[in-house]
Amino acid sequence: MKHTVSYRLTAVLAAFVLAALFSCRPQVKKEEPVFAVNVTPVTRGSISDYILVNGDVETLTNIDVFADKSGEILSINVSLGQYVAAGQTIARVDPSRPGQRFIPNPVTAPIAGTIVALPVQLGATVNDLVTAAALAAHDAQATERLG
């Protein structure tokens, strides 16, 4: 009987030791995410920011401008992005041929608008089928009158 009591006592003691070992395991904690925060004292002033992008500006109404006469571009009187009035000279074309001299013809803006394309260069040959410039119309009614 003495051995039975000692076996029971040893079994109970082993159970307590095992329970103590498994309950003392370190708990795994989930770490909270950490975010860096910039703090600035409040001051009176204006907030400004900018975004730099590349691209083409598309307008609802683009008008191609053509030369009335064929010839060589002598001068370009406007630059890309410039506003032009109706009738303003955009470029000058020399319609002269070898052995003949003519007065340079102006290429004029049919309506007021902004120059959005200048596909020709000085010395290039143009005709009534080559676009000398492209205008973005500001006035939709002026565009309808041309149509």
N, C-alpha and C. Protein backbone atom coordinates (compact mmCIF):
# COMPACT_ATOMS: atom_id res chain seq x y z
N MET A 1 0.81 -1.18 0.00
CA MET A 1 0.00 0.00 0.00
C MET A 1 0.87 1.27 0.00
N LYS A 2 2.02 1.09 0.62
CA LYS A 2 2.93 2.21 0.67
C LYS A 2 3.40 2.58 -0.73
N HIS A 3 3.61 1.57 -1.58
CA HIS A 3 4.04 1.83 -2.94
C HIS A 3 2.93 2.45 -3.76
N THR A 4 1.70 2.06 -3.51
CA THR A 4 0.57 2.59 -4.26
C THR A 4 0.40 4.07 -3.94
N VAL A 5 0.52 4.43 -2.68
CA VAL A 5 0.38 5.83 -2.28
C VAL A 5 1.52 6.64 -2.89
N SER A 6 2.70 6.11 -2.90
CA SER A 6 3.81 6.87 -3.44
C SER A 6 3.70 7.01 -4.96
N TYR A 7 3.14 5.97 -5.63
CA TYR A 7 2.92 6.10 -7.08
C TYR A 7 1.86 7.14 -7.37
N ARG A 8 0.79 7.13 -6.55
CA ARG A 8 -0.27 8.14 -6.76
C ARG A 8 0.26 9.53 -6.47
N LEU A 9 1.01 9.65 -5.42
CA LEU A 9 1.57 10.94 -5.05
C LEU A 9 2.54 11.42 -6.14
N THR A 10 3.33 10.53 -6.69
CA THR A 10 4.26 10.87 -7.76
C THR A 10 3.49 11.26 -9.02
N ALA A 11 2.41 10.56 -9.34
CA ALA A 11 1.60 10.88 -10.53
C ALA A 11 0.94 12.25 -10.38
N VAL A 12 0.39 12.52 -9.19
CA VAL A 12 -0.25 13.83 -8.95
C VAL A 12 0.79 14.93 -9.01
N LEU A 13 1.95 14.68 -8.40
CA LEU A 13 3.00 15.68 -8.41
C LEU A 13 3.49 15.92 -9.85
N ALA A 14 3.64 14.90 -10.66
CA ALA A 14 4.05 15.05 -12.05
C ALA A 14 3.01 15.82 -12.84
N ALA A 15 1.72 15.58 -12.56
CA ALA A 15 0.65 16.31 -13.23
C ALA A 15 0.73 17.80 -12.90
N PHE A 16 0.98 18.13 -11.63
CA PHE A 16 1.11 19.53 -11.24
C PHE A 16 2.33 20.18 -11.91
N VAL A 17 3.44 19.45 -11.99
CA VAL A 17 4.64 19.99 -12.60
C VAL A 17 4.39 20.25 -14.10
N LEU A 18 3.75 19.29 -14.77
CA LEU A 18 3.43 19.48 -16.20
C LEU A 18 2.47 20.65 -16.41
N ALA A 19 1.46 20.75 -15.56
CA ALA A 19 0.51 21.86 -15.67
C ALA A 19 1.22 23.19 -15.44
N ALA A 20 2.13 23.24 -14.50
CA ALA A 20 2.87 24.47 -14.22
C ALA A 20 3.77 24.83 -15.41
N LEU A 21 4.41 23.82 -16.03
CA LEU A 21 5.29 24.09 -17.15
C LEU A 21 4.51 24.63 -18.36
N PHE A 22 3.38 24.02 -18.67
CA PHE A 22 2.61 24.47 -19.85
C PHE A 22 1.90 25.80 -19.62
N SER A 23 1.56 26.11 -18.38
CA SER A 23 0.88 27.38 -18.12
C SER A 23 1.86 28.54 -18.05
N CYS A 24 3.14 28.28 -17.87
CA CYS A 24 4.15 29.33 -17.77
C CYS A 24 4.78 29.68 -19.11
N ARG A 25 4.27 29.11 -20.24
CA ARG A 25 4.80 29.46 -21.55
C ARG A 25 4.59 30.94 -21.82
N PRO A 26 5.55 31.58 -22.46
CA PRO A 26 5.34 33.02 -22.76
C PRO A 26 4.22 33.19 -23.79
N GLN A 27 3.39 34.17 -23.55
CA GLN A 27 2.27 34.47 -24.45
C GLN A 27 2.80 35.24 -25.66
N VAL A 28 2.36 34.86 -26.87
CA VAL A 28 2.77 35.55 -28.09
C VAL A 28 1.81 36.71 -28.30
N LYS A 29 2.35 37.92 -28.28
CA LYS A 29 1.52 39.11 -28.45
C LYS A 29 1.64 39.60 -29.89
N LYS A 30 0.53 40.03 -30.48
CA LYS A 30 0.55 40.62 -31.82
C LYS A 30 1.01 42.07 -31.67
N GLU A 31 1.99 42.42 -32.51
CA GLU A 31 2.50 43.78 -32.44
C GLU A 31 1.61 44.72 -33.23
N GLU A 32 1.31 45.85 -32.68
CA GLU A 32 0.52 46.88 -33.36
C GLU A 32 1.40 47.58 -34.39
N PRO A 33 0.86 47.89 -35.58
CA PRO A 33 1.69 48.61 -36.56
C PRO A 33 2.04 50.02 -36.06
N VAL A 34 3.25 50.44 -36.39
CA VAL A 34 3.73 51.75 -35.97
C VAL A 34 3.82 52.64 -37.21
N PHE A 35 3.26 53.84 -37.14
CA PHE A 35 3.28 54.79 -38.24
C PHE A 35 4.05 56.03 -37.85
N ALA A 36 4.89 56.50 -38.77
CA ALA A 36 5.64 57.74 -38.53
C ALA A 36 4.72 58.92 -38.78
N VAL A 37 4.74 59.88 -37.91
CA VAL A 37 3.87 61.06 -38.03
C VAL A 37 4.74 62.31 -37.90
N ASN A 38 4.59 63.24 -38.86
CA ASN A 38 5.28 64.52 -38.78
C ASN A 38 4.35 65.52 -38.11
N VAL A 39 4.85 66.21 -37.14
CA VAL A 39 4.06 67.18 -36.41
C VAL A 39 4.66 68.55 -36.63
N THR A 40 3.80 69.53 -36.96
CA THR A 40 4.23 70.89 -37.19
C THR A 40 3.37 71.81 -36.34
N PRO A 41 3.98 72.77 -35.67
CA PRO A 41 3.17 73.70 -34.90
C PRO A 41 2.27 74.53 -35.82
N VAL A 42 1.11 74.88 -35.35
CA VAL A 42 0.15 75.65 -36.13
C VAL A 42 0.63 77.09 -36.26
N THR A 43 0.67 77.58 -37.50
CA THR A 43 1.02 78.97 -37.77
C THR A 43 0.06 79.51 -38.82
N ARG A 44 -0.13 80.80 -38.84
CA ARG A 44 -0.99 81.43 -39.82
C ARG A 44 -0.21 81.61 -41.12
N GLY A 45 -0.81 81.22 -42.25
CA GLY A 45 -0.14 81.35 -43.53
C GLY A 45 -0.97 80.71 -44.62
N SER A 46 -0.40 80.62 -45.79
CA SER A 46 -1.12 80.02 -46.91
C SER A 46 -0.52 78.65 -47.22
N ILE A 47 -1.36 77.78 -47.74
CA ILE A 47 -0.92 76.44 -48.11
C ILE A 47 -0.83 76.40 -49.63
N SER A 48 0.29 75.96 -50.13
CA SER A 48 0.43 75.85 -51.58
C SER A 48 1.16 74.55 -51.91
N ASP A 49 0.78 73.98 -53.03
CA ASP A 49 1.39 72.75 -53.50
C ASP A 49 1.25 72.72 -55.01
N TYR A 50 2.04 71.93 -55.70
CA TYR A 50 1.93 71.84 -57.14
C TYR A 50 2.20 70.41 -57.57
N ILE A 51 1.70 70.09 -58.75
CA ILE A 51 1.93 68.79 -59.35
C ILE A 51 2.49 69.03 -60.74
N LEU A 52 3.59 68.41 -61.06
CA LEU A 52 4.22 68.56 -62.37
C LEU A 52 3.86 67.34 -63.20
N VAL A 53 3.17 67.57 -64.32
CA VAL A 53 2.77 66.47 -65.20
C VAL A 53 3.11 66.81 -66.64
N ASN A 54 3.24 65.82 -67.46
CA ASN A 54 3.45 65.99 -68.88
C ASN A 54 2.22 65.50 -69.62
N GLY A 55 1.94 66.09 -70.76
CA GLY A 55 0.81 65.63 -71.54
C GLY A 55 0.40 66.66 -72.57
N ASP A 56 -0.63 66.33 -73.28
CA ASP A 56 -1.19 67.22 -74.29
C ASP A 56 -2.55 67.69 -73.83
N VAL A 57 -2.83 68.97 -74.08
CA VAL A 57 -4.13 69.53 -73.74
C VAL A 57 -5.05 69.32 -74.95
N GLU A 58 -6.13 68.64 -74.72
CA GLU A 58 -7.11 68.41 -75.78
C GLU A 58 -8.28 69.37 -75.56
N THR A 59 -8.68 70.05 -76.61
CA THR A 59 -9.83 70.95 -76.51
C THR A 59 -10.99 70.36 -77.28
N LEU A 60 -12.16 70.88 -77.01
CA LEU A 60 -13.34 70.41 -77.71
C LEU A 60 -13.32 70.83 -79.17
N THR A 61 -12.73 72.00 -79.43
CA THR A 61 -12.74 72.52 -80.78
C THR A 61 -11.33 72.92 -81.21
N ASN A 62 -10.75 72.14 -82.11
CA ASN A 62 -9.47 72.50 -82.72
C ASN A 62 -9.71 72.85 -84.18
N ILE A 63 -9.06 73.90 -84.64
CA ILE A 63 -9.21 74.34 -86.03
C ILE A 63 -7.83 74.35 -86.67
N ASP A 64 -7.71 73.65 -87.79
CA ASP A 64 -6.46 73.67 -88.55
C ASP A 64 -6.44 74.90 -89.45
N VAL A 65 -5.28 75.56 -89.51
CA VAL A 65 -5.11 76.75 -90.33
C VAL A 65 -4.19 76.36 -91.49
N PHE A 66 -4.63 76.69 -92.72
CA PHE A 66 -3.89 76.34 -93.92
C PHE A 66 -3.45 77.61 -94.65
N ALA A 67 -2.37 77.50 -95.43
CA ALA A 67 -1.91 78.62 -96.25
C ALA A 67 -2.81 78.71 -97.49
N ASP A 68 -3.06 79.94 -97.95
CA ASP A 68 -3.87 80.14 -99.16
C ASP A 68 -3.07 79.79 -100.42
N LYS A 69 -1.78 80.01 -100.39
CA LYS A 69 -0.90 79.78 -101.54
C LYS A 69 0.19 78.79 -101.16
N SER A 70 0.67 78.05 -102.15
CA SER A 70 1.81 77.16 -101.92
C SER A 70 3.09 77.98 -101.91
N GLY A 71 4.03 77.54 -101.08
CA GLY A 71 5.30 78.25 -101.05
C GLY A 71 6.13 77.89 -99.83
N GLU A 72 7.19 78.65 -99.64
CA GLU A 72 8.13 78.42 -98.56
C GLU A 72 7.79 79.33 -97.38
N ILE A 73 7.86 78.79 -96.16
CA ILE A 73 7.61 79.57 -94.94
C ILE A 73 8.78 80.53 -94.74
N LEU A 74 8.50 81.84 -94.80
CA LEU A 74 9.54 82.86 -94.58
C LEU A 74 9.68 83.22 -93.11
N SER A 75 8.52 83.29 -92.40
CA SER A 75 8.56 83.67 -90.99
C SER A 75 7.38 83.04 -90.27
N ILE A 76 7.61 82.76 -89.00
CA ILE A 76 6.54 82.30 -88.10
C ILE A 76 6.42 83.36 -87.03
N ASN A 77 5.26 83.99 -86.95
CA ASN A 77 5.09 85.16 -86.09
C ASN A 77 4.48 84.86 -84.73
N VAL A 78 4.18 83.60 -84.44
CA VAL A 78 3.56 83.23 -83.17
C VAL A 78 4.36 82.08 -82.55
N SER A 79 4.05 81.78 -81.30
CA SER A 79 4.68 80.65 -80.63
C SER A 79 3.60 79.75 -80.03
N LEU A 80 3.98 78.55 -79.71
CA LEU A 80 3.06 77.57 -79.15
C LEU A 80 2.49 78.09 -77.83
N GLY A 81 1.17 78.02 -77.68
CA GLY A 81 0.51 78.49 -76.46
C GLY A 81 0.11 79.95 -76.49
N GLN A 82 0.47 80.67 -77.54
CA GLN A 82 0.15 82.10 -77.64
C GLN A 82 -1.29 82.30 -78.06
N TYR A 83 -1.95 83.31 -77.50
CA TYR A 83 -3.31 83.68 -77.90
C TYR A 83 -3.22 84.56 -79.15
N VAL A 84 -4.06 84.27 -80.14
CA VAL A 84 -4.10 85.09 -81.36
C VAL A 84 -5.52 85.58 -81.58
N ALA A 85 -5.63 86.78 -82.13
CA ALA A 85 -6.93 87.36 -82.46
C ALA A 85 -7.33 86.92 -83.87
N ALA A 86 -8.59 87.02 -84.17
CA ALA A 86 -9.06 86.69 -85.52
C ALA A 86 -8.40 87.63 -86.52
N GLY A 87 -7.84 87.09 -87.59
CA GLY A 87 -7.18 87.90 -88.61
C GLY A 87 -5.71 88.17 -88.34
N GLN A 88 -5.18 87.77 -87.19
CA GLN A 88 -3.78 88.00 -86.87
C GLN A 88 -2.90 87.09 -87.74
N THR A 89 -1.77 87.63 -88.19
CA THR A 89 -0.85 86.87 -89.04
C THR A 89 -0.10 85.84 -88.21
N ILE A 90 -0.20 84.59 -88.63
CA ILE A 90 0.49 83.49 -87.95
C ILE A 90 1.86 83.25 -88.59
N ALA A 91 1.91 83.29 -89.91
CA ALA A 91 3.17 83.05 -90.64
C ALA A 91 3.10 83.77 -91.98
N ARG A 92 4.23 83.84 -92.67
CA ARG A 92 4.29 84.41 -94.02
C ARG A 92 4.85 83.36 -94.96
N VAL A 93 4.19 83.23 -96.13
CA VAL A 93 4.57 82.25 -97.14
C VAL A 93 5.01 82.98 -98.40
N ASP A 94 6.17 82.58 -98.94
CA ASP A 94 6.67 83.15 -100.19
C ASP A 94 6.27 82.22 -101.34
N PRO A 95 5.29 82.64 -102.17
CA PRO A 95 4.84 81.78 -103.26
C PRO A 95 5.69 81.88 -104.53
N SER A 96 6.82 82.58 -104.46
CA SER A 96 7.67 82.78 -105.65
C SER A 96 8.16 81.46 -106.21
N ARG A 97 8.37 81.46 -107.53
CA ARG A 97 8.94 80.32 -108.26
C ARG A 97 10.23 80.81 -108.93
N PRO A 98 11.08 79.92 -109.34
CA PRO A 98 12.29 80.38 -110.03
C PRO A 98 11.93 81.24 -111.24
N GLY A 99 12.50 82.42 -111.30
CA GLY A 99 12.24 83.35 -112.41
C GLY A 99 11.04 84.24 -112.15
N GLN A 100 10.29 84.02 -111.08
CA GLN A 100 9.12 84.85 -110.76
C GLN A 100 9.25 85.32 -109.31
N ARG A 101 8.85 86.55 -109.07
CA ARG A 101 8.88 87.12 -107.72
C ARG A 101 7.47 87.53 -107.35
N PHE A 102 6.98 87.08 -106.20
CA PHE A 102 5.67 87.45 -105.69
C PHE A 102 5.81 88.03 -104.30
N ILE A 103 4.79 88.76 -103.89
CA ILE A 103 4.75 89.31 -102.54
C ILE A 103 4.40 88.17 -101.58
N PRO A 104 5.09 88.08 -100.42
CA PRO A 104 4.76 87.02 -99.45
C PRO A 104 3.30 87.11 -99.00
N ASN A 105 2.65 85.97 -98.89
CA ASN A 105 1.26 85.89 -98.44
C ASN A 105 1.20 85.59 -96.95
N PRO A 106 0.29 86.26 -96.23
CA PRO A 106 0.15 85.95 -94.81
C PRO A 106 -0.74 84.72 -94.61
N VAL A 107 -0.43 83.95 -93.59
CA VAL A 107 -1.32 82.89 -93.12
C VAL A 107 -1.98 83.48 -91.88
N THR A 108 -3.29 83.68 -91.93
CA THR A 108 -3.98 84.39 -90.85
C THR A 108 -4.90 83.45 -90.07
N ALA A 109 -5.13 83.81 -88.83
CA ALA A 109 -6.03 83.05 -87.95
C ALA A 109 -7.47 83.35 -88.35
N PRO A 110 -8.28 82.33 -88.65
CA PRO A 110 -9.66 82.58 -89.03
C PRO A 110 -10.53 83.02 -87.85
N ILE A 111 -10.16 82.61 -86.62
CA ILE A 111 -10.89 83.01 -85.40
C ILE A 111 -9.87 83.26 -84.30
N ALA A 112 -10.33 83.81 -83.20
CA ALA A 112 -9.48 84.02 -82.04
C ALA A 112 -9.31 82.69 -81.31
N GLY A 113 -8.12 82.46 -80.77
CA GLY A 113 -7.87 81.22 -80.04
C GLY A 113 -6.43 81.12 -79.61
N THR A 114 -6.08 79.96 -79.14
CA THR A 114 -4.72 79.69 -78.68
C THR A 114 -4.05 78.73 -79.64
N ILE A 115 -2.78 79.02 -79.96
CA ILE A 115 -2.01 78.14 -80.84
C ILE A 115 -1.69 76.87 -80.06
N VAL A 116 -2.19 75.72 -80.54
CA VAL A 116 -1.92 74.45 -79.87
C VAL A 116 -0.96 73.56 -80.66
N ALA A 117 -0.69 73.91 -81.91
CA ALA A 117 0.29 73.14 -82.70
C ALA A 117 0.87 74.03 -83.79
N LEU A 118 2.16 73.90 -84.00
CA LEU A 118 2.88 74.58 -85.08
C LEU A 118 3.74 73.52 -85.78
N PRO A 119 3.13 72.74 -86.66
CA PRO A 119 3.87 71.64 -87.28
C PRO A 119 4.87 72.06 -88.36
N VAL A 120 4.88 73.31 -88.77
CA VAL A 120 5.79 73.76 -89.83
C VAL A 120 7.01 74.45 -89.23
N GLN A 121 8.10 74.48 -90.02
CA GLN A 121 9.33 75.15 -89.61
C GLN A 121 9.73 76.15 -90.69
N LEU A 122 10.60 77.07 -90.32
CA LEU A 122 11.11 78.03 -91.29
C LEU A 122 11.75 77.27 -92.46
N GLY A 123 11.44 77.71 -93.67
CA GLY A 123 12.00 77.09 -94.86
C GLY A 123 11.21 75.91 -95.38
N ALA A 124 10.22 75.44 -94.62
CA ALA A 124 9.40 74.31 -95.07
C ALA A 124 8.47 74.76 -96.20
N THR A 125 8.13 73.85 -97.07
CA THR A 125 7.20 74.14 -98.16
C THR A 125 5.80 73.73 -97.73
N VAL A 126 4.85 74.64 -97.89
CA VAL A 126 3.46 74.36 -97.53
C VAL A 126 2.57 74.58 -98.75
N ASN A 127 1.38 74.02 -98.66
CA ASN A 127 0.36 74.26 -99.67
C ASN A 127 -0.99 74.27 -98.97
N ASP A 128 -2.06 74.26 -99.75
CA ASP A 128 -3.38 74.36 -99.14
C ASP A 128 -3.83 73.05 -98.49
N LEU A 129 -3.00 72.01 -98.51
CA LEU A 129 -3.32 70.73 -97.87
C LEU A 129 -2.48 70.46 -96.62
N VAL A 130 -1.49 71.31 -96.37
CA VAL A 130 -0.59 71.14 -95.23
C VAL A 130 -1.02 72.09 -94.12
N THR A 131 -1.20 71.56 -92.92
CA THR A 131 -1.59 72.40 -91.77
C THR A 131 -0.41 73.27 -91.36
N ALA A 132 -0.64 74.58 -91.34
CA ALA A 132 0.40 75.51 -90.92
C ALA A 132 0.37 75.73 -89.41
N ALA A 133 -0.82 75.63 -88.81
CA ALA A 133 -0.98 75.80 -87.36
C ALA A 133 -2.32 75.20 -86.96
N ALA A 134 -2.49 74.97 -85.68
CA ALA A 134 -3.77 74.51 -85.14
C ALA A 134 -4.17 75.44 -84.01
N LEU A 135 -5.42 75.85 -84.01
CA LEU A 135 -5.95 76.77 -83.00
C LEU A 135 -6.95 76.04 -82.13
N ALA A 136 -6.95 76.36 -80.84
CA ALA A 136 -8.00 75.91 -79.93
C ALA A 136 -8.95 77.08 -79.78
N ALA A 137 -10.18 76.88 -80.21
CA ALA A 137 -11.17 77.97 -80.18
C ALA A 137 -11.65 78.22 -78.77
N HIS A 138 -11.78 79.48 -78.41
CA HIS A 138 -12.32 79.87 -77.10
C HIS A 138 -13.81 80.15 -77.20
N ASP A 139 -14.25 80.50 -78.38
CA ASP A 139 -15.64 80.90 -78.59
C ASP A 139 -16.33 79.84 -79.45
N ALA A 140 -17.24 79.07 -78.86
CA ALA A 140 -17.93 78.01 -79.60
C ALA A 140 -18.79 78.58 -80.73
N GLN A 141 -19.33 79.78 -80.55
CA GLN A 141 -20.18 80.38 -81.59
C GLN A 141 -19.35 80.72 -82.82
N ALA A 142 -18.11 81.18 -82.64
CA ALA A 142 -17.24 81.50 -83.76
C ALA A 142 -16.94 80.23 -84.55
N THR A 143 -16.77 79.14 -83.85
CA THR A 143 -16.50 77.87 -84.51
C THR A 143 -17.70 77.42 -85.34
N GLU A 144 -18.89 77.62 -84.80
CA GLU A 144 -20.10 77.24 -85.54
C GLU A 144 -20.26 78.07 -86.80
N ARG A 145 -19.87 79.35 -86.76
CA ARG A 145 -19.98 80.21 -87.93
C ARG A 145 -19.05 79.72 -89.04
N LEU A 146 -17.88 79.15 -88.66
CA LEU A 146 -16.95 78.66 -89.67
C LEU A 146 -17.45 77.38 -90.31
N GLY A 147 -18.12 76.54 -89.52
CA GLY A 147 -18.53 75.20 -89.92
C GLY A 147 -19.42 75.20 -91.09
